[in-house]
Amino acid sequence: MSGEKRMKAHVGRDGRIEVTVPDLPVGQAVEVTVRAVQEPSSRRSVLDILRDAPGGLMFKTVDEVDTYIRGERDSWGD
């Protein structure tokens, strides 16, 4: 066998990773590189949570935010 062989593995409780490649001859020199894989996050972003909330996002555009803030400031008086 020549070239590269990719496989996925999981780290055991003791920190061990087992790699089995039966098609390599006994005594064959190999190079092993370990790279952690980013698992997809099950956490949702704040925007996704707000989007799904009853009523959705309060403001749809920057102009709506500006209008709301201007109205609040005007209601404070001088």
C-alpha atoms as a PDB file:
ATOM      1  CA  MET A   1       0.000   0.000   0.000  1.00  0.00           C
ATOM      2  CA  SER A   2       1.301   3.440  -0.812  1.00  0.00           C
ATOM      3  CA  GLY A   3      -0.054   6.923  -0.341  1.00  0.00           C
ATOM      4  CA  GLU A   4      -2.305   8.256   2.322  1.00  0.00           C
ATOM      5  CA  LYS A   5      -5.078   6.576   4.258  1.00  0.00           C
ATOM      6  CA  ARG A   6      -7.607   8.710   6.129  1.00  0.00           C
ATOM      7  CA  MET A   7      -9.830   7.446   8.883  1.00  0.00           C
ATOM      8  CA  LYS A   8     -11.802   8.832  11.787  1.00  0.00           C
ATOM      9  CA  ALA A   9     -11.265   7.711  15.351  1.00  0.00           C
ATOM     10  CA  HIS A  10     -12.329   8.718  18.837  1.00  0.00           C
ATOM     11  CA  VAL A  11     -10.091   9.436  21.798  1.00  0.00           C
ATOM     12  CA  GLY A  12     -10.633   6.930  24.592  1.00  0.00           C
ATOM     13  CA  ARG A  13     -10.957   7.735  28.287  1.00  0.00           C
ATOM     14  CA  ASP A  14      -7.255   7.184  28.782  1.00  0.00           C
ATOM     15  CA  GLY A  15      -6.354   9.479  25.862  1.00  0.00           C
ATOM     16  CA  ARG A  16      -5.532   6.609  23.522  1.00  0.00           C
ATOM     17  CA  ILE A  17      -6.374   6.498  19.847  1.00  0.00           C
ATOM     18  CA  GLU A  18      -6.288   3.126  18.144  1.00  0.00           C
ATOM     19  CA  VAL A  19      -5.419   2.873  14.460  1.00  0.00           C
ATOM     20  CA  THR A  20      -5.588  -0.466  12.660  1.00  0.00           C
ATOM     21  CA  VAL A  21      -4.318  -0.793   9.084  1.00  0.00           C
ATOM     22  CA  PRO A  22      -4.126  -4.513   8.269  1.00  0.00           C
ATOM     23  CA  ASP A  23      -2.871  -4.003   4.702  1.00  0.00           C
ATOM     24  CA  LEU A  24       0.479  -2.544   5.882  1.00  0.00           C
ATOM     25  CA  PRO A  25       3.396  -4.943   6.257  1.00  0.00           C
ATOM     26  CA  VAL A  26       4.797  -5.574   9.743  1.00  0.00           C
ATOM     27  CA  GLY A  27       7.686  -3.179  10.425  1.00  0.00           C
ATOM     28  CA  GLN A  28       6.567  -0.599   7.837  1.00  0.00           C
ATOM     29  CA  ALA A  29       7.493   2.954   8.866  1.00  0.00           C
ATOM     30  CA  VAL A  30       4.491   5.279   8.943  1.00  0.00           C
ATOM     31  CA  GLU A  31       3.740   8.860   9.894  1.00  0.00           C
ATOM     32  CA  VAL A  32       0.668   9.615  12.011  1.00  0.00           C
ATOM     33  CA  THR A  33      -0.875  13.076  12.316  1.00  0.00           C
ATOM     34  CA  VAL A  34      -3.724  13.762  14.732  1.00  0.00           C
ATOM     35  CA  ARG A  35      -6.040  16.697  14.042  1.00  0.00           C
ATOM     36  CA  ALA A  36      -9.078  17.468  16.188  1.00  0.00           C
ATOM     37  CA  VAL A  37     -12.297  17.725  14.199  1.00  0.00           C
ATOM     38  CA  GLN A  38     -14.819  20.462  14.960  1.00  0.00           C
ATOM     39  CA  GLU A  39     -18.168  18.830  15.576  1.00  0.00           C
ATOM     40  CA  PRO A  40     -21.211  20.776  14.385  1.00  0.00           C
ATOM     41  CA  SER A  41     -22.550  22.796  17.271  1.00  0.00           C
ATOM     42  CA  SER A  42     -26.035  22.103  18.541  1.00  0.00           C
ATOM     43  CA  ARG A  43     -26.088  25.569  20.101  1.00  0.00           C
ATOM     44  CA  ARG A  44     -28.238  28.167  18.386  1.00  0.00           C
ATOM     45  CA  SER A  45     -27.263  31.766  17.787  1.00  0.00           C
ATOM     46  CA  VAL A  46     -29.061  34.577  19.573  1.00  0.00           C
ATOM     47  CA  LEU A  47     -30.541  35.738  16.262  1.00  0.00           C
ATOM     48  CA  ASP A  48     -32.006  32.266  15.616  1.00  0.00           C
ATOM     49  CA  ILE A  49     -33.599  32.238  19.075  1.00  0.00           C
ATOM     50  CA  LEU A  50     -35.061  35.726  18.603  1.00  0.00           C
ATOM     51  CA  ARG A  51     -36.293  34.835  15.105  1.00  0.00           C
ATOM     52  CA  ASP A  52     -38.201  31.855  16.535  1.00  0.00           C
ATOM     53  CA  ALA A  53     -39.622  33.805  19.491  1.00  0.00           C
ATOM     54  CA  PRO A  54     -43.296  34.802  19.430  1.00  0.00           C
ATOM     55  CA  GLY A  55     -43.497  37.937  17.298  1.00  0.00           C
ATOM     56  CA  GLY A  56     -40.111  37.302  15.725  1.00  0.00           C
ATOM     57  CA  LEU A  57     -37.545  40.043  15.637  1.00  0.00           C
ATOM     58  CA  MET A  58     -38.918  43.350  16.830  1.00  0.00           C
ATOM     59  CA  PHE A  59     -37.071  45.315  14.146  1.00  0.00           C
ATOM     60  CA  LYS A  60     -36.519  44.193  10.586  1.00  0.00           C
ATOM     61  CA  THR A  61     -34.229  47.034   9.453  1.00  0.00           C
ATOM     62  CA  VAL A  62     -31.746  49.536  10.851  1.00  0.00           C
ATOM     63  CA  ASP A  63     -34.169  52.337   9.961  1.00  0.00           C
ATOM     64  CA  GLU A  64     -36.831  50.751  12.183  1.00  0.00           C
ATOM     65  CA  VAL A  65     -34.353  50.680  15.075  1.00  0.00           C
ATOM     66  CA  ASP A  66     -33.399  54.331  14.518  1.00  0.00           C
ATOM     67  CA  THR A  67     -37.056  55.385  14.381  1.00  0.00           C
ATOM     68  CA  TYR A  68     -37.816  53.518  17.610  1.00  0.00           C
ATOM     69  CA  ILE A  69     -34.815  55.017  19.445  1.00  0.00           C
ATOM     70  CA  ARG A  70     -35.669  58.532  18.198  1.00  0.00           C
ATOM     71  CA  GLY A  71     -39.231  58.085  19.450  1.00  0.00           C
ATOM     72  CA  GLU A  72     -38.007  56.926  22.872  1.00  0.00           C
ATOM     73  CA  ARG A  73     -35.618  59.875  23.176  1.00  0.00           C
ATOM     74  CA  ASP A  74     -38.369  62.311  22.169  1.00  0.00           C
ATOM     75  CA  SER A  75     -40.648  60.867  24.867  1.00  0.00           C
ATOM     76  CA  TRP A  76     -38.115  61.797  27.584  1.00  0.00           C
ATOM     77  CA  GLY A  77     -38.681  65.480  27.017  1.00  0.00           C
ATOM     78  CA  ASP A  78     -36.054  68.193  27.496  1.00  0.00           C
END
